[in-house]
Amino acid sequence: MPEPQEVPTDSELISAWKAGDEAAATELVKRHAGAVARYLSAAGGREDVDDLVQEAFFRAFRRLESFRGTASFRTWVMTIGSNVLKDQRRRESRRPVLELEPHDIVDNAANPYSSTVTRDLESRLQQIVENLPAMQRDVFLLRAQQGTDYQEIADALGTSVGAARVHYHQAVKRIRKALS
């Protein structure tokens, strides 16, 4: 019976990629792209999430020498993705945007009332999260959506654990107030 193969750590994959192993980079992307996509989508990059994820990984691999390992690779790539999204927002703020009206979106769900209520709540929550101050939004999404611990959040965002906790609780307080 063959021995089970040990799954390489992110650090081992990074070292392998630096040594020229392209498959290691592919494995890192497979391992973390879904979480990065969910984070960026929730942070407001819903329409272009695939492009944002691709750009985040492109920048990450281009800057891999600067990865210190104080946060996890996933958190580091999410931070880069957050910067990619900010860059996109700056570019978009300079050009007009065509907004879709709710009646432009077709939902074929079985219960139209329930679907409408759910869509409305999702839209309101998304808007509330997008309008949070940047640090609160980033801490909230990393904590609530990704389950990232406060130490990793602090390392990734360049703040203290205590400040990360405060930002998270302030974000939750604002969200609750806006939804009530």
C-alpha atoms as a PDB file:
ATOM      1  CA  MET A   1       0.000   0.000   0.000  1.00  0.00           C
ATOM      2  CA  PRO A   2       1.496   3.379  -0.978  1.00  0.00           C
ATOM      3  CA  GLU A   3       2.341   5.819   1.782  1.00  0.00           C
ATOM      4  CA  PRO A   4       0.098   8.871   1.962  1.00  0.00           C
ATOM      5  CA  GLN A   5       1.827  11.895   0.524  1.00  0.00           C
ATOM      6  CA  GLU A   6       2.413  14.756   2.903  1.00  0.00           C
ATOM      7  CA  VAL A   7       0.664  17.948   1.823  1.00  0.00           C
ATOM      8  CA  PRO A   8       3.233  20.722   1.411  1.00  0.00           C
ATOM      9  CA  THR A   9       2.824  23.878   3.468  1.00  0.00           C
ATOM     10  CA  ASP A  10       2.436  27.259   1.822  1.00  0.00           C
ATOM     11  CA  SER A  11       6.026  28.070   2.817  1.00  0.00           C
ATOM     12  CA  GLU A  12       7.267  24.917   1.120  1.00  0.00           C
ATOM     13  CA  LEU A  13       5.280  25.758  -2.011  1.00  0.00           C
ATOM     14  CA  ILE A  14       6.682  29.295  -2.031  1.00  0.00           C
ATOM     15  CA  SER A  15      10.223  27.926  -1.768  1.00  0.00           C
ATOM     16  CA  ALA A  16       9.516  25.439  -4.558  1.00  0.00           C
ATOM     17  CA  TRP A  17       8.139  28.199  -6.791  1.00  0.00           C
ATOM     18  CA  LYS A  18      11.194  30.356  -6.130  1.00  0.00           C
ATOM     19  CA  ALA A  19      13.286  27.366  -7.218  1.00  0.00           C
ATOM     20  CA  GLY A  20      11.390  27.245 -10.518  1.00  0.00           C
ATOM     21  CA  ASP A  21       8.546  24.805  -9.804  1.00  0.00           C
ATOM     22  CA  GLU A  22       5.530  26.259 -11.675  1.00  0.00           C
ATOM     23  CA  ALA A  23       3.245  23.568 -10.241  1.00  0.00           C
ATOM     24  CA  ALA A  24       3.873  25.025  -6.783  1.00  0.00           C
ATOM     25  CA  ALA A  25       2.415  28.363  -7.886  1.00  0.00           C
ATOM     26  CA  THR A  26      -0.582  26.569  -9.374  1.00  0.00           C
ATOM     27  CA  GLU A  27      -1.156  24.775  -6.076  1.00  0.00           C
ATOM     28  CA  LEU A  28      -0.980  28.051  -4.114  1.00  0.00           C
ATOM     29  CA  VAL A  29      -3.556  29.623  -6.431  1.00  0.00           C
ATOM     30  CA  LYS A  30      -5.852  26.569  -6.198  1.00  0.00           C
ATOM     31  CA  ARG A  31      -5.530  26.579  -2.428  1.00  0.00           C
ATOM     32  CA  HIS A  32      -6.359  30.251  -1.886  1.00  0.00           C
ATOM     33  CA  ALA A  33      -8.189  31.705  -4.920  1.00  0.00           C
ATOM     34  CA  GLY A  34     -11.660  30.821  -3.644  1.00  0.00           C
ATOM     35  CA  ALA A  35     -11.162  32.598  -0.331  1.00  0.00           C
ATOM     36  CA  VAL A  36      -9.632  35.628  -2.041  1.00  0.00           C
ATOM     37  CA  ALA A  37     -12.580  35.744  -4.469  1.00  0.00           C
ATOM     38  CA  ARG A  38     -15.131  35.571  -1.642  1.00  0.00           C
ATOM     39  CA  TYR A  39     -13.314  38.332   0.231  1.00  0.00           C
ATOM     40  CA  LEU A  40     -13.072  40.624  -2.808  1.00  0.00           C
ATOM     41  CA  SER A  41     -16.667  39.974  -3.795  1.00  0.00           C
ATOM     42  CA  ALA A  42     -17.884  40.907  -0.334  1.00  0.00           C
ATOM     43  CA  ALA A  43     -15.628  43.974  -0.320  1.00  0.00           C
ATOM     44  CA  GLY A  44     -17.434  45.282  -3.392  1.00  0.00           C
ATOM     45  CA  GLY A  45     -15.663  43.733  -6.365  1.00  0.00           C
ATOM     46  CA  ARG A  46     -18.566  41.519  -7.388  1.00  0.00           C
ATOM     47  CA  GLU A  47     -18.603  42.282 -11.101  1.00  0.00           C
ATOM     48  CA  ASP A  48     -14.897  41.834 -11.796  1.00  0.00           C
ATOM     49  CA  VAL A  49     -13.988  39.334  -9.108  1.00  0.00           C
ATOM     50  CA  ASP A  50     -12.133  36.957 -11.463  1.00  0.00           C
ATOM     51  CA  ASP A  51     -10.012  39.780 -12.842  1.00  0.00           C
ATOM     52  CA  LEU A  52      -9.340  41.096  -9.346  1.00  0.00           C
ATOM     53  CA  VAL A  53      -8.247  37.676  -8.094  1.00  0.00           C
ATOM     54  CA  GLN A  54      -5.992  37.198 -11.105  1.00  0.00           C
ATOM     55  CA  GLU A  55      -4.400  40.615 -10.582  1.00  0.00           C
ATOM     56  CA  ALA A  56      -3.959  39.941  -6.848  1.00  0.00           C
ATOM     57  CA  PHE A  57      -2.075  36.713  -7.512  1.00  0.00           C
ATOM     58  CA  PHE A  58      -0.081  38.320 -10.321  1.00  0.00           C
ATOM     59  CA  ARG A  59       1.072  41.059  -7.951  1.00  0.00           C
ATOM     60  CA  ALA A  60       1.686  38.562  -5.162  1.00  0.00           C
ATOM     61  CA  PHE A  61       3.976  36.378  -7.248  1.00  0.00           C
ATOM     62  CA  ARG A  62       5.740  39.426  -8.632  1.00  0.00           C
ATOM     63  CA  ARG A  63       6.413  40.609  -5.053  1.00  0.00           C
ATOM     64  CA  LEU A  64       6.948  37.245  -3.395  1.00  0.00           C
ATOM     65  CA  GLU A  65      10.385  38.306  -2.171  1.00  0.00           C
ATOM     66  CA  SER A  66       8.670  40.857   0.095  1.00  0.00           C
ATOM     67  CA  PHE A  67       6.495  38.206   1.779  1.00  0.00           C
ATOM     68  CA  ARG A  68       7.786  38.114   5.363  1.00  0.00           C
ATOM     69  CA  GLY A  69       5.573  35.322   6.614  1.00  0.00           C
ATOM     70  CA  THR A  70       4.262  37.320   9.596  1.00  0.00           C
ATOM     71  CA  ALA A  71       0.736  36.656   8.311  1.00  0.00           C
ATOM     72  CA  SER A  72      -0.442  33.625   6.384  1.00  0.00           C
ATOM     73  CA  PHE A  73       0.038  33.600   2.614  1.00  0.00           C
ATOM     74  CA  ARG A  74      -3.759  33.739   2.235  1.00  0.00           C
ATOM     75  CA  THR A  75      -4.073  36.858   4.366  1.00  0.00           C
ATOM     76  CA  TRP A  76      -1.168  38.458   2.505  1.00  0.00           C
ATOM     77  CA  VAL A  77      -2.805  37.800  -0.879  1.00  0.00           C
ATOM     78  CA  MET A  78      -6.128  39.129   0.455  1.00  0.00           C
ATOM     79  CA  THR A  79      -4.366  42.322   1.496  1.00  0.00           C
ATOM     80  CA  ILE A  80      -2.902  42.636  -1.992  1.00  0.00           C
ATOM     81  CA  GLY A  81      -6.365  41.934  -3.406  1.00  0.00           C
ATOM     82  CA  SER A  82      -7.783  44.696  -1.243  1.00  0.00           C
ATOM     83  CA  ASN A  83      -5.216  47.069  -2.732  1.00  0.00           C
ATOM     84  CA  VAL A  84      -6.124  45.900  -6.241  1.00  0.00           C
ATOM     85  CA  LEU A  85      -9.774  46.664  -5.490  1.00  0.00           C
ATOM     86  CA  LYS A  86      -8.869  50.123  -4.154  1.00  0.00           C
ATOM     87  CA  ASP A  87      -6.879  50.808  -7.331  1.00  0.00           C
ATOM     88  CA  GLN A  88      -9.874  49.732  -9.433  1.00  0.00           C
ATOM     89  CA  ARG A  89     -12.214  51.999  -7.468  1.00  0.00           C
ATOM     90  CA  ARG A  90      -9.890  54.956  -8.008  1.00  0.00           C
ATOM     91  CA  ARG A  91      -9.861  54.285 -11.755  1.00  0.00           C
ATOM     92  CA  GLU A  92     -13.634  53.840 -11.883  1.00  0.00           C
ATOM     93  CA  SER A  93     -14.283  57.021  -9.951  1.00  0.00           C
ATOM     94  CA  ARG A  94     -12.907  58.871 -12.949  1.00  0.00           C
ATOM     95  CA  ARG A  95     -15.442  57.398 -15.412  1.00  0.00           C
ATOM     96  CA  PRO A  96     -19.229  57.311 -15.447  1.00  0.00           C
ATOM     97  CA  VAL A  97     -20.975  54.114 -14.360  1.00  0.00           C
ATOM     98  CA  LEU A  98     -24.227  52.744 -15.762  1.00  0.00           C
ATOM     99  CA  GLU A  99     -26.283  51.477 -12.824  1.00  0.00           C
ATOM    100  CA  LEU A 100     -28.668  48.536 -13.222  1.00  0.00           C
ATOM    101  CA  GLU A 101     -32.137  48.936 -11.791  1.00  0.00           C
ATOM    102  CA  PRO A 102     -33.608  46.087  -9.720  1.00  0.00           C
ATOM    103  CA  HIS A 103     -36.111  45.306 -12.507  1.00  0.00           C
ATOM    104  CA  ASP A 104     -33.162  44.735 -14.886  1.00  0.00           C
ATOM    105  CA  ILE A 105     -32.122  41.679 -12.874  1.00  0.00           C
ATOM    106  CA  VAL A 106     -34.121  38.501 -13.429  1.00  0.00           C
ATOM    107  CA  ASP A 107     -34.379  35.918 -10.652  1.00  0.00           C
ATOM    108  CA  ASN A 108     -36.087  32.635 -11.453  1.00  0.00           C
ATOM    109  CA  ALA A 109     -36.496  31.526  -7.838  1.00  0.00           C
ATOM    110  CA  ALA A 110     -39.660  29.640  -6.892  1.00  0.00           C
ATOM    111  CA  ASN A 111     -40.775  32.166  -4.267  1.00  0.00           C
ATOM    112  CA  PRO A 112     -40.568  35.688  -5.692  1.00  0.00           C
ATOM    113  CA  TYR A 113     -41.422  37.399  -2.388  1.00  0.00           C
ATOM    114  CA  SER A 114     -38.745  35.512  -0.457  1.00  0.00           C
ATOM    115  CA  SER A 115     -36.223  36.122  -3.226  1.00  0.00           C
ATOM    116  CA  THR A 116     -37.017  39.833  -3.228  1.00  0.00           C
ATOM    117  CA  VAL A 117     -36.643  40.117   0.539  1.00  0.00           C
ATOM    118  CA  THR A 118     -33.373  38.174   0.468  1.00  0.00           C
ATOM    119  CA  ARG A 119     -32.013  40.212  -2.436  1.00  0.00           C
ATOM    120  CA  ASP A 120     -32.983  43.434  -0.683  1.00  0.00           C
ATOM    121  CA  LEU A 121     -31.297  42.388   2.558  1.00  0.00           C
ATOM    122  CA  GLU A 122     -28.157  41.236   0.715  1.00  0.00           C
ATOM    123  CA  SER A 123     -28.055  44.504  -1.189  1.00  0.00           C
ATOM    124  CA  ARG A 124     -28.505  46.582   1.966  1.00  0.00           C
ATOM    125  CA  LEU A 125     -25.854  44.593   3.830  1.00  0.00           C
ATOM    126  CA  GLN A 126     -23.427  44.865   0.909  1.00  0.00           C
ATOM    127  CA  GLN A 127     -23.979  48.623   0.757  1.00  0.00           C
ATOM    128  CA  ILE A 128     -23.495  48.978   4.512  1.00  0.00           C
ATOM    129  CA  VAL A 129     -20.250  46.981   4.436  1.00  0.00           C
ATOM    130  CA  GLU A 130     -18.957  48.940   1.430  1.00  0.00           C
ATOM    131  CA  ASN A 131     -19.634  52.209   3.261  1.00  0.00           C
ATOM    132  CA  LEU A 132     -17.751  51.234   6.416  1.00  0.00           C
ATOM    133  CA  PRO A 133     -14.446  53.024   6.955  1.00  0.00           C
ATOM    134  CA  ALA A 134     -11.745  51.090   5.082  1.00  0.00           C
ATOM    135  CA  MET A 135     -10.034  49.586   8.145  1.00  0.00           C
ATOM    136  CA  GLN A 136     -13.337  48.520   9.709  1.00  0.00           C
ATOM    137  CA  ARG A 137     -14.485  46.989   6.409  1.00  0.00           C
ATOM    138  CA  ASP A 138     -11.245  45.068   5.903  1.00  0.00           C
ATOM    139  CA  VAL A 139     -11.139  43.795   9.495  1.00  0.00           C
ATOM    140  CA  PHE A 140     -14.828  42.865   9.376  1.00  0.00           C
ATOM    141  CA  LEU A 141     -14.520  40.925   6.119  1.00  0.00           C
ATOM    142  CA  LEU A 142     -11.357  39.116   7.187  1.00  0.00           C
ATOM    143  CA  ARG A 143     -12.895  38.163  10.527  1.00  0.00           C
ATOM    144  CA  ALA A 144     -16.564  37.522   9.686  1.00  0.00           C
ATOM    145  CA  GLN A 145     -16.237  36.113   6.195  1.00  0.00           C
ATOM    146  CA  GLN A 146     -12.866  34.394   6.268  1.00  0.00           C
ATOM    147  CA  GLY A 147     -12.632  33.499   9.960  1.00  0.00           C
ATOM    148  CA  THR A 148      -9.166  35.025  10.191  1.00  0.00           C
ATOM    149  CA  ASP A 149      -7.890  35.378  13.756  1.00  0.00           C
ATOM    150  CA  TYR A 150      -7.129  38.797  15.165  1.00  0.00           C
ATOM    151  CA  GLN A 151      -3.357  38.283  15.204  1.00  0.00           C
ATOM    152  CA  GLU A 152      -3.294  37.523  11.469  1.00  0.00           C
ATOM    153  CA  ILE A 153      -5.595  40.460  10.764  1.00  0.00           C
ATOM    154  CA  ALA A 154      -3.313  42.757  12.749  1.00  0.00           C
ATOM    155  CA  ASP A 155      -0.227  41.480  10.919  1.00  0.00           C
ATOM    156  CA  ALA A 156      -1.856  41.774   7.500  1.00  0.00           C
ATOM    157  CA  LEU A 157      -3.246  45.253   8.039  1.00  0.00           C
ATOM    158  CA  GLY A 158      -0.321  46.682   9.981  1.00  0.00           C
ATOM    159  CA  THR A 159      -2.193  47.312  13.217  1.00  0.00           C
ATOM    160  CA  SER A 160      -2.338  45.845  16.714  1.00  0.00           C
ATOM    161  CA  VAL A 161      -4.506  42.953  17.829  1.00  0.00           C
ATOM    162  CA  GLY A 162      -6.408  45.279  20.154  1.00  0.00           C
ATOM    163  CA  ALA A 163      -7.052  47.774  17.371  1.00  0.00           C
ATOM    164  CA  ALA A 164      -8.238  44.953  15.086  1.00  0.00           C
ATOM    165  CA  ARG A 165     -10.730  43.876  17.762  1.00  0.00           C
ATOM    166  CA  VAL A 166     -11.975  47.443  18.188  1.00  0.00           C
ATOM    167  CA  HIS A 167     -12.365  47.913  14.419  1.00  0.00           C
ATOM    168  CA  TYR A 168     -14.308  44.649  14.167  1.00  0.00           C
ATOM    169  CA  HIS A 169     -16.663  45.514  17.012  1.00  0.00           C
ATOM    170  CA  GLN A 170     -17.197  49.034  15.669  1.00  0.00           C
ATOM    171  CA  ALA A 171     -18.038  47.560  12.244  1.00  0.00           C
ATOM    172  CA  VAL A 172     -20.546  45.141  13.785  1.00  0.00           C
ATOM    173  CA  LYS A 173     -22.103  47.982  15.786  1.00  0.00           C
ATOM    174  CA  ARG A 174     -22.473  50.134  12.636  1.00  0.00           C
ATOM    175  CA  ILE A 175     -23.936  47.241  10.639  1.00  0.00           C
ATOM    176  CA  ARG A 176     -26.487  46.428  13.352  1.00  0.00           C
ATOM    177  CA  LYS A 177     -27.486  50.066  13.662  1.00  0.00           C
ATOM    178  CA  ALA A 178     -27.876  50.439   9.882  1.00  0.00           C
ATOM    179  CA  LEU A 179     -29.988  47.268   9.634  1.00  0.00           C
ATOM    180  CA  SER A 180     -32.318  48.201  12.515  1.00  0.00           C
END
